[in-house]
Amino acid sequence: MLYMKQPECFVQKGQENMMCLMKKSLYRLKQSLRQWYKQSNSFIIKVNYTRCEYDSCVYSKQCNGDLTYLLLYVDDMLIAVRK
């Protein structure tokens, strides 16, 4: 079974441990890959990666002299580090 956490604004007193049961797997939905990409994109931007202006699936981040590349393709991810 797949469970998800209640959104904070919907938690009711005495029902904090109640969960929602998902009826469908994410991969059965028509827009599942789009949703996966949107969530991944927002998280990657949130952790300070820069999106490439020429290819929207390529991100980079400079950290301690190392350059990290992150590539998203459909539902796969590749991470490469250049020292």
PDB file of N, CA and C in Angstrom:
ATOM      1  N   MET A   1       0.827  -1.184   0.000  1.00  0.00           N
ATOM      2  CA  MET A   1       0.000   0.000   0.000  1.00  0.00           C
ATOM      3  C   MET A   1       0.872   1.249   0.000  1.00  0.00           C
ATOM      4  N   LEU A   2       0.457   2.270  -0.685  1.00  0.00           N
ATOM      5  CA  LEU A   2       1.161   3.545  -0.738  1.00  0.00           C
ATOM      6  C   LEU A   2       0.445   4.548   0.152  1.00  0.00           C
ATOM      7  N   TYR A   3       1.177   5.206   1.022  1.00  0.00           N
ATOM      8  CA  TYR A   3       0.587   6.193   1.919  1.00  0.00           C
ATOM      9  C   TYR A   3       1.239   7.539   1.697  1.00  0.00           C
ATOM     10  N   MET A   4       0.539   8.569   2.089  1.00  0.00           N
ATOM     11  CA  MET A   4       1.093   9.906   2.002  1.00  0.00           C
ATOM     12  C   MET A   4       0.784  10.668   3.278  1.00  0.00           C
ATOM     13  N   LYS A   5       1.552  11.691   3.562  1.00  0.00           N
ATOM     14  CA  LYS A   5       1.399  12.498   4.757  1.00  0.00           C
ATOM     15  C   LYS A   5       0.295  13.532   4.554  1.00  0.00           C
ATOM     16  N   GLN A   6      -0.449  13.809   5.610  1.00  0.00           N
ATOM     17  CA  GLN A   6      -1.505  14.822   5.531  1.00  0.00           C
ATOM     18  C   GLN A   6      -0.904  16.214   5.389  1.00  0.00           C
ATOM     19  N   PRO A   7      -1.475  17.055   4.547  1.00  0.00           N
ATOM     20  CA  PRO A   7      -1.032  18.453   4.497  1.00  0.00           C
ATOM     21  C   PRO A   7      -1.317  19.124   5.840  1.00  0.00           C
ATOM     22  N   GLU A   8      -0.432  19.990   6.287  1.00  0.00           N
ATOM     23  CA  GLU A   8      -0.556  20.605   7.612  1.00  0.00           C
ATOM     24  C   GLU A   8      -1.882  21.321   7.822  1.00  0.00           C
ATOM     25  N   CYS A   9      -2.395  21.968   6.802  1.00  0.00           N
ATOM     26  CA  CYS A   9      -3.633  22.737   6.974  1.00  0.00           C
ATOM     27  C   CYS A   9      -4.878  21.850   7.071  1.00  0.00           C
ATOM     28  N   PHE A  10      -4.757  20.539   6.815  1.00  0.00           N
ATOM     29  CA  PHE A  10      -5.905  19.647   6.869  1.00  0.00           C
ATOM     30  C   PHE A  10      -5.906  18.722   8.086  1.00  0.00           C
ATOM     31  N   VAL A  11      -4.876  18.788   8.915  1.00  0.00           N
ATOM     32  CA  VAL A  11      -4.798  17.925  10.091  1.00  0.00           C
ATOM     33  C   VAL A  11      -5.837  18.372  11.102  1.00  0.00           C
ATOM     34  N   GLN A  12      -6.658  17.419  11.575  1.00  0.00           N
ATOM     35  CA  GLN A  12      -7.687  17.725  12.564  1.00  0.00           C
ATOM     36  C   GLN A  12      -7.275  17.128  13.904  1.00  0.00           C
ATOM     37  N   LYS A  13      -7.614  17.826  14.966  1.00  0.00           N
ATOM     38  CA  LYS A  13      -7.255  17.379  16.307  1.00  0.00           C
ATOM     39  C   LYS A  13      -7.867  15.998  16.566  1.00  0.00           C
ATOM     40  N   GLY A  14      -7.045  15.087  17.062  1.00  0.00           N
ATOM     41  CA  GLY A  14      -7.492  13.722  17.329  1.00  0.00           C
ATOM     42  C   GLY A  14      -7.343  12.789  16.143  1.00  0.00           C
ATOM     43  N   GLN A  15      -7.030  13.330  14.948  1.00  0.00           N
ATOM     44  CA  GLN A  15      -6.873  12.513  13.743  1.00  0.00           C
ATOM     45  C   GLN A  15      -5.517  12.765  13.079  1.00  0.00           C
ATOM     46  N   GLU A  16      -4.512  13.066  13.894  1.00  0.00           N
ATOM     47  CA  GLU A  16      -3.187  13.395  13.376  1.00  0.00           C
ATOM     48  C   GLU A  16      -2.518  12.211  12.675  1.00  0.00           C
ATOM     49  N   ASN A  17      -2.858  10.996  13.078  1.00  0.00           N
ATOM     50  CA  ASN A  17      -2.224   9.816  12.506  1.00  0.00           C
ATOM     51  C   ASN A  17      -2.983   9.221  11.328  1.00  0.00           C
ATOM     52  N   MET A  18      -4.080   9.831  10.938  1.00  0.00           N
ATOM     53  CA  MET A  18      -4.854   9.320   9.804  1.00  0.00           C
ATOM     54  C   MET A  18      -4.074   9.573   8.520  1.00  0.00           C
ATOM     55  N   MET A  19      -4.119   8.633   7.607  1.00  0.00           N
ATOM     56  CA  MET A  19      -3.403   8.742   6.337  1.00  0.00           C
ATOM     57  C   MET A  19      -4.370   8.553   5.183  1.00  0.00           C
ATOM     58  N   CYS A  20      -3.959   8.950   4.012  1.00  0.00           N
ATOM     59  CA  CYS A  20      -4.739   8.769   2.797  1.00  0.00           C
ATOM     60  C   CYS A  20      -4.192   7.566   2.036  1.00  0.00           C
ATOM     61  N   LEU A  21      -5.052   6.729   1.556  1.00  0.00           N
ATOM     62  CA  LEU A  21      -4.647   5.581   0.758  1.00  0.00           C
ATOM     63  C   LEU A  21      -4.782   5.965  -0.707  1.00  0.00           C
ATOM     64  N   MET A  22      -3.673   5.822  -1.445  1.00  0.00           N
ATOM     65  CA  MET A  22      -3.710   6.147  -2.870  1.00  0.00           C
ATOM     66  C   MET A  22      -4.358   4.996  -3.622  1.00  0.00           C
ATOM     67  N   LYS A  23      -5.316   5.301  -4.467  1.00  0.00           N
ATOM     68  CA  LYS A  23      -6.017   4.279  -5.237  1.00  0.00           C
ATOM     69  C   LYS A  23      -5.263   3.858  -6.483  1.00  0.00           C
ATOM     70  N   LYS A  24      -4.413   4.740  -7.022  1.00  0.00           N
ATOM     71  CA  LYS A  24      -3.670   4.447  -8.243  1.00  0.00           C
ATOM     72  C   LYS A  24      -2.189   4.707  -8.029  1.00  0.00           C
ATOM     73  N   SER A  25      -1.396   3.960  -8.706  1.00  0.00           N
ATOM     74  CA  SER A  25       0.041   4.213  -8.708  1.00  0.00           C
ATOM     75  C   SER A  25       0.298   5.453  -9.564  1.00  0.00           C
ATOM     76  N   LEU A  26       1.359   6.167  -9.271  1.00  0.00           N
ATOM     77  CA  LEU A  26       1.702   7.367 -10.033  1.00  0.00           C
ATOM     78  C   LEU A  26       1.913   7.049 -11.510  1.00  0.00           C
ATOM     79  N   TYR A  27       2.481   5.883 -11.823  1.00  0.00           N
ATOM     80  CA  TYR A  27       2.795   5.547 -13.202  1.00  0.00           C
ATOM     81  C   TYR A  27       1.574   5.205 -14.048  1.00  0.00           C
ATOM     82  N   ARG A  28       0.414   5.061 -13.474  1.00  0.00           N
ATOM     83  CA  ARG A  28      -0.793   4.799 -14.257  1.00  0.00           C
ATOM     84  C   ARG A  28      -1.444   6.086 -14.762  1.00  0.00           C
ATOM     85  N   LEU A  29      -1.002   7.207 -14.256  1.00  0.00           N
ATOM     86  CA  LEU A  29      -1.595   8.477 -14.644  1.00  0.00           C
ATOM     87  C   LEU A  29      -0.953   8.994 -15.929  1.00  0.00           C
ATOM     88  N   LYS A  30      -1.744   9.660 -16.755  1.00  0.00           N
ATOM     89  CA  LYS A  30      -1.237  10.158 -18.039  1.00  0.00           C
ATOM     90  C   LYS A  30      -0.138  11.196 -17.864  1.00  0.00           C
ATOM     91  N   GLN A  31      -0.256  12.019 -16.849  1.00  0.00           N
ATOM     92  CA  GLN A  31       0.706  13.098 -16.643  1.00  0.00           C
ATOM     93  C   GLN A  31       1.758  12.751 -15.596  1.00  0.00           C
ATOM     94  N   SER A  32       1.949  11.476 -15.292  1.00  0.00           N
ATOM     95  CA  SER A  32       2.842  11.092 -14.199  1.00  0.00           C
ATOM     96  C   SER A  32       4.288  11.546 -14.431  1.00  0.00           C
ATOM     97  N   LEU A  33       4.813  11.363 -15.624  1.00  0.00           N
ATOM     98  CA  LEU A  33       6.191  11.776 -15.884  1.00  0.00           C
ATOM     99  C   LEU A  33       6.344  13.289 -15.826  1.00  0.00           C
ATOM    100  N   ARG A  34       5.349  13.996 -16.287  1.00  0.00           N
ATOM    101  CA  ARG A  34       5.370  15.464 -16.212  1.00  0.00           C
ATOM    102  C   ARG A  34       5.388  15.912 -14.750  1.00  0.00           C
ATOM    103  N   GLN A  35       4.561  15.280 -13.924  1.00  0.00           N
ATOM    104  CA  GLN A  35       4.519  15.625 -12.511  1.00  0.00           C
ATOM    105  C   GLN A  35       5.848  15.278 -11.821  1.00  0.00           C
ATOM    106  N   TRP A  36       6.427  14.138 -12.189  1.00  0.00           N
ATOM    107  CA  TRP A  36       7.723  13.740 -11.622  1.00  0.00           C
ATOM    108  C   TRP A  36       8.772  14.791 -11.985  1.00  0.00           C
ATOM    109  N   TYR A  37       8.772  15.224 -13.237  1.00  0.00           N
ATOM    110  CA  TYR A  37       9.740  16.223 -13.680  1.00  0.00           C
ATOM    111  C   TYR A  37       9.530  17.553 -12.951  1.00  0.00           C
ATOM    112  N   LYS A  38       8.284  17.989 -12.808  1.00  0.00           N
ATOM    113  CA  LYS A  38       7.999  19.260 -12.145  1.00  0.00           C
ATOM    114  C   LYS A  38       8.465  19.238 -10.688  1.00  0.00           C
ATOM    115  N   GLN A  39       8.195  18.137  -9.986  1.00  0.00           N
ATOM    116  CA  GLN A  39       8.628  18.040  -8.590  1.00  0.00           C
ATOM    117  C   GLN A  39      10.148  17.965  -8.498  1.00  0.00           C
ATOM    118  N   SER A  40      10.762  17.208  -9.379  1.00  0.00           N
ATOM    119  CA  SER A  40      12.223  17.101  -9.385  1.00  0.00           C
ATOM    120  C   SER A  40      12.854  18.453  -9.686  1.00  0.00           C
ATOM    121  N   ASN A  41      12.332  19.145 -10.678  1.00  0.00           N
ATOM    122  CA  ASN A  41      12.847  20.462 -11.059  1.00  0.00           C
ATOM    123  C   ASN A  41      12.770  21.441  -9.892  1.00  0.00           C
ATOM    124  N   SER A  42      11.631  21.512  -9.226  1.00  0.00           N
ATOM    125  CA  SER A  42      11.493  22.459  -8.115  1.00  0.00           C
ATOM    126  C   SER A  42      12.448  22.119  -6.973  1.00  0.00           C
ATOM    127  N   PHE A  43      12.660  20.825  -6.696  1.00  0.00           N
ATOM    128  CA  PHE A  43      13.598  20.442  -5.637  1.00  0.00           C
ATOM    129  C   PHE A  43      15.029  20.784  -6.029  1.00  0.00           C
ATOM    130  N   ILE A  44      15.414  20.496  -7.257  1.00  0.00           N
ATOM    131  CA  ILE A  44      16.783  20.757  -7.713  1.00  0.00           C
ATOM    132  C   ILE A  44      17.087  22.253  -7.669  1.00  0.00           C
ATOM    133  N   ILE A  45      16.151  23.068  -8.088  1.00  0.00           N
ATOM    134  CA  ILE A  45      16.329  24.522  -8.021  1.00  0.00           C
ATOM    135  C   ILE A  45      16.420  24.971  -6.558  1.00  0.00           C
ATOM    136  N   LYS A  46      15.622  24.341  -5.692  1.00  0.00           N
ATOM    137  CA  LYS A  46      15.602  24.690  -4.271  1.00  0.00           C
ATOM    138  C   LYS A  46      16.952  24.414  -3.598  1.00  0.00           C
ATOM    139  N   VAL A  47      17.685  23.401  -4.057  1.00  0.00           N
ATOM    140  CA  VAL A  47      18.996  23.082  -3.466  1.00  0.00           C
ATOM    141  C   VAL A  47      20.139  23.750  -4.236  1.00  0.00           C
ATOM    142  N   ASN A  48      19.813  24.860  -4.905  1.00  0.00           N
ATOM    143  CA  ASN A  48      20.792  25.784  -5.507  1.00  0.00           C
ATOM    144  C   ASN A  48      21.512  25.272  -6.746  1.00  0.00           C
ATOM    145  N   TYR A  49      20.889  24.421  -7.527  1.00  0.00           N
ATOM    146  CA  TYR A  49      21.442  24.071  -8.832  1.00  0.00           C
ATOM    147  C   TYR A  49      20.970  25.114  -9.834  1.00  0.00           C
ATOM    148  N   THR A  50      21.766  25.360 -10.856  1.00  0.00           N
ATOM    149  CA  THR A  50      21.420  26.307 -11.911  1.00  0.00           C
ATOM    150  C   THR A  50      20.996  25.524 -13.147  1.00  0.00           C
ATOM    151  N   ARG A  51      19.863  25.892 -13.711  1.00  0.00           N
ATOM    152  CA  ARG A  51      19.344  25.216 -14.901  1.00  0.00           C
ATOM    153  C   ARG A  51      20.028  25.766 -16.144  1.00  0.00           C
ATOM    154  N   CYS A  52      20.441  24.881 -17.029  1.00  0.00           N
ATOM    155  CA  CYS A  52      21.093  25.276 -18.278  1.00  0.00           C
ATOM    156  C   CYS A  52      20.074  25.994 -19.167  1.00  0.00           C
ATOM    157  N   GLU A  53      20.487  27.115 -19.761  1.00  0.00           N
ATOM    158  CA  GLU A  53      19.551  27.852 -20.619  1.00  0.00           C
ATOM    159  C   GLU A  53      19.354  27.196 -21.981  1.00  0.00           C
ATOM    160  N   TYR A  54      20.241  26.291 -22.376  1.00  0.00           N
ATOM    161  CA  TYR A  54      20.139  25.637 -23.683  1.00  0.00           C
ATOM    162  C   TYR A  54      19.414  24.296 -23.628  1.00  0.00           C
ATOM    163  N   ASP A  55      19.477  23.619 -22.481  1.00  0.00           N
ATOM    164  CA  ASP A  55      18.812  22.328 -22.315  1.00  0.00           C
ATOM    165  C   ASP A  55      18.176  22.304 -20.929  1.00  0.00           C
ATOM    166  N   SER A  56      16.856  22.274 -20.870  1.00  0.00           N
ATOM    167  CA  SER A  56      16.145  22.389 -19.595  1.00  0.00           C
ATOM    168  C   SER A  56      16.286  21.156 -18.706  1.00  0.00           C
ATOM    169  N   CYS A  57      16.911  20.106 -19.190  1.00  0.00           N
ATOM    170  CA  CYS A  57      17.110  18.885 -18.389  1.00  0.00           C
ATOM    171  C   CYS A  57      18.494  18.813 -17.763  1.00  0.00           C
ATOM    172  N   VAL A  58      19.317  19.840 -17.962  1.00  0.00           N
ATOM    173  CA  VAL A  58      20.686  19.846 -17.446  1.00  0.00           C
ATOM    174  C   VAL A  58      20.805  20.936 -16.386  1.00  0.00           C
ATOM    175  N   TYR A  59      21.369  20.567 -15.236  1.00  0.00           N
ATOM    176  CA  TYR A  59      21.573  21.488 -14.119  1.00  0.00           C
ATOM    177  C   TYR A  59      23.039  21.418 -13.705  1.00  0.00           C
ATOM    178  N   SER A  60      23.541  22.486 -13.115  1.00  0.00           N
ATOM    179  CA  SER A  60      24.922  22.480 -12.635  1.00  0.00           C
ATOM    180  C   SER A  60      25.006  23.229 -11.314  1.00  0.00           C
ATOM    181  N   LYS A  61      26.063  22.886 -10.559  1.00  0.00           N
ATOM    182  CA  LYS A  61      26.282  23.538  -9.268  1.00  0.00           C
ATOM    183  C   LYS A  61      27.773  23.527  -8.966  1.00  0.00           C
ATOM    184  N   GLN A  62      28.315  24.689  -8.590  1.00  0.00           N
ATOM    185  CA  GLN A  62      29.712  24.825  -8.206  1.00  0.00           C
ATOM    186  C   GLN A  62      29.785  24.737  -6.690  1.00  0.00           C
ATOM    187  N   CYS A  63      30.620  23.829  -6.168  1.00  0.00           N
ATOM    188  CA  CYS A  63      30.729  23.654  -4.721  1.00  0.00           C
ATOM    189  C   CYS A  63      32.141  23.203  -4.365  1.00  0.00           C
ATOM    190  N   ASN A  64      32.821  23.993  -3.555  1.00  0.00           N
ATOM    191  CA  ASN A  64      34.178  23.673  -3.089  1.00  0.00           C
ATOM    192  C   ASN A  64      35.135  23.353  -4.236  1.00  0.00           C
ATOM    193  N   GLY A  65      35.037  24.073  -5.322  1.00  0.00           N
ATOM    194  CA  GLY A  65      35.922  23.864  -6.464  1.00  0.00           C
ATOM    195  C   GLY A  65      35.497  22.747  -7.399  1.00  0.00           C
ATOM    196  N   ASP A  66      34.491  21.979  -7.032  1.00  0.00           N
ATOM    197  CA  ASP A  66      33.975  20.905  -7.885  1.00  0.00           C
ATOM    198  C   ASP A  66      32.740  21.394  -8.627  1.00  0.00           C
ATOM    199  N   LEU A  67      32.603  20.971  -9.863  1.00  0.00           N
ATOM    200  CA  LEU A  67      31.429  21.311 -10.657  1.00  0.00           C
ATOM    201  C   LEU A  67      30.584  20.047 -10.809  1.00  0.00           C
ATOM    202  N   THR A  68      29.360  20.097 -10.333  1.00  0.00           N
ATOM    203  CA  THR A  68      28.459  18.948 -10.390  1.00  0.00           C
ATOM    204  C   THR A  68      27.414  19.187 -11.464  1.00  0.00           C
ATOM    205  N   TYR A  69      27.254  18.217 -12.349  1.00  0.00           N
ATOM    206  CA  TYR A  69      26.216  18.257 -13.373  1.00  0.00           C
ATOM    207  C   TYR A  69      25.146  17.242 -13.006  1.00  0.00           C
ATOM    208  N   LEU A  70      23.901  17.622 -13.159  1.00  0.00           N
ATOM    209  CA  LEU A  70      22.779  16.733 -12.911  1.00  0.00           C
ATOM    210  C   LEU A  70      21.910  16.749 -14.162  1.00  0.00           C
ATOM    211  N   LEU A  71      21.639  15.580 -14.716  1.00  0.00           N
ATOM    212  CA  LEU A  71      20.843  15.483 -15.938  1.00  0.00           C
ATOM    213  C   LEU A  71      19.588  14.665 -15.663  1.00  0.00           C
ATOM    214  N   LEU A  72      18.429  15.207 -16.028  1.00  0.00           N
ATOM    215  CA  LEU A  72      17.152  14.495 -15.891  1.00  0.00           C
ATOM    216  C   LEU A  72      16.687  14.091 -17.282  1.00  0.00           C
ATOM    217  N   TYR A  73      16.282  12.845 -17.424  1.00  0.00           N
ATOM    218  CA  TYR A  73      15.731  12.393 -18.703  1.00  0.00           C
ATOM    219  C   TYR A  73      14.587  11.438 -18.416  1.00  0.00           C
ATOM    220  N   VAL A  74      13.389  11.831 -18.785  1.00  0.00           N
ATOM    221  CA  VAL A  74      12.147  11.081 -18.530  1.00  0.00           C
ATOM    222  C   VAL A  74      12.080  10.758 -17.043  1.00  0.00           C
ATOM    223  N   ASP A  75      12.361   9.528 -16.633  1.00  0.00           N
ATOM    224  CA  ASP A  75      12.320   9.220 -15.203  1.00  0.00           C
ATOM    225  C   ASP A  75      13.670   8.708 -14.698  1.00  0.00           C
ATOM    226  N   ASP A  76      14.748   9.146 -15.347  1.00  0.00           N
ATOM    227  CA  ASP A  76      16.097   8.778 -14.940  1.00  0.00           C
ATOM    228  C   ASP A  76      16.900  10.024 -14.585  1.00  0.00           C
ATOM    229  N   MET A  77      17.963   9.824 -13.795  1.00  0.00           N
ATOM    230  CA  MET A  77      18.812  10.926 -13.383  1.00  0.00           C
ATOM    231  C   MET A  77      20.274  10.483 -13.472  1.00  0.00           C
ATOM    232  N   LEU A  78      21.133  11.361 -13.965  1.00  0.00           N
ATOM    233  CA  LEU A  78      22.565  11.108 -14.041  1.00  0.00           C
ATOM    234  C   LEU A  78      23.272  12.258 -13.339  1.00  0.00           C
ATOM    235  N   ILE A  79      24.226  11.916 -12.465  1.00  0.00           N
ATOM    236  CA  ILE A  79      25.000  12.931 -11.759  1.00  0.00           C
ATOM    237  C   ILE A  79      26.472  12.728 -12.095  1.00  0.00           C
ATOM    238  N   ALA A  80      27.137  13.797 -12.528  1.00  0.00           N
ATOM    239  CA  ALA A  80      28.556  13.743 -12.867  1.00  0.00           C
ATOM    240  C   ALA A  80      29.269  14.866 -12.141  1.00  0.00           C
ATOM    241  N   VAL A  81      30.473  14.580 -11.624  1.00  0.00           N
ATOM    242  CA  VAL A  81      31.246  15.580 -10.886  1.00  0.00           C
ATOM    243  C   VAL A  81      32.574  15.772 -11.601  1.00  0.00           C
ATOM    244  N   ARG A  82      32.931  17.032 -11.841  1.00  0.00           N
ATOM    245  CA  ARG A  82      34.223  17.390 -12.422  1.00  0.00           C
ATOM    246  C   ARG A  82      35.043  18.071 -11.334  1.00  0.00           C
ATOM    247  N   LYS A  83      36.190  17.514 -11.038  1.00  0.00           N
ATOM    248  CA  LYS A  83      37.056  18.078  -9.994  1.00  0.00           C
ATOM    249  C   LYS A  83      38.110  18.969 -10.574  1.00  0.00           C
TER     250      LYS A  83
END
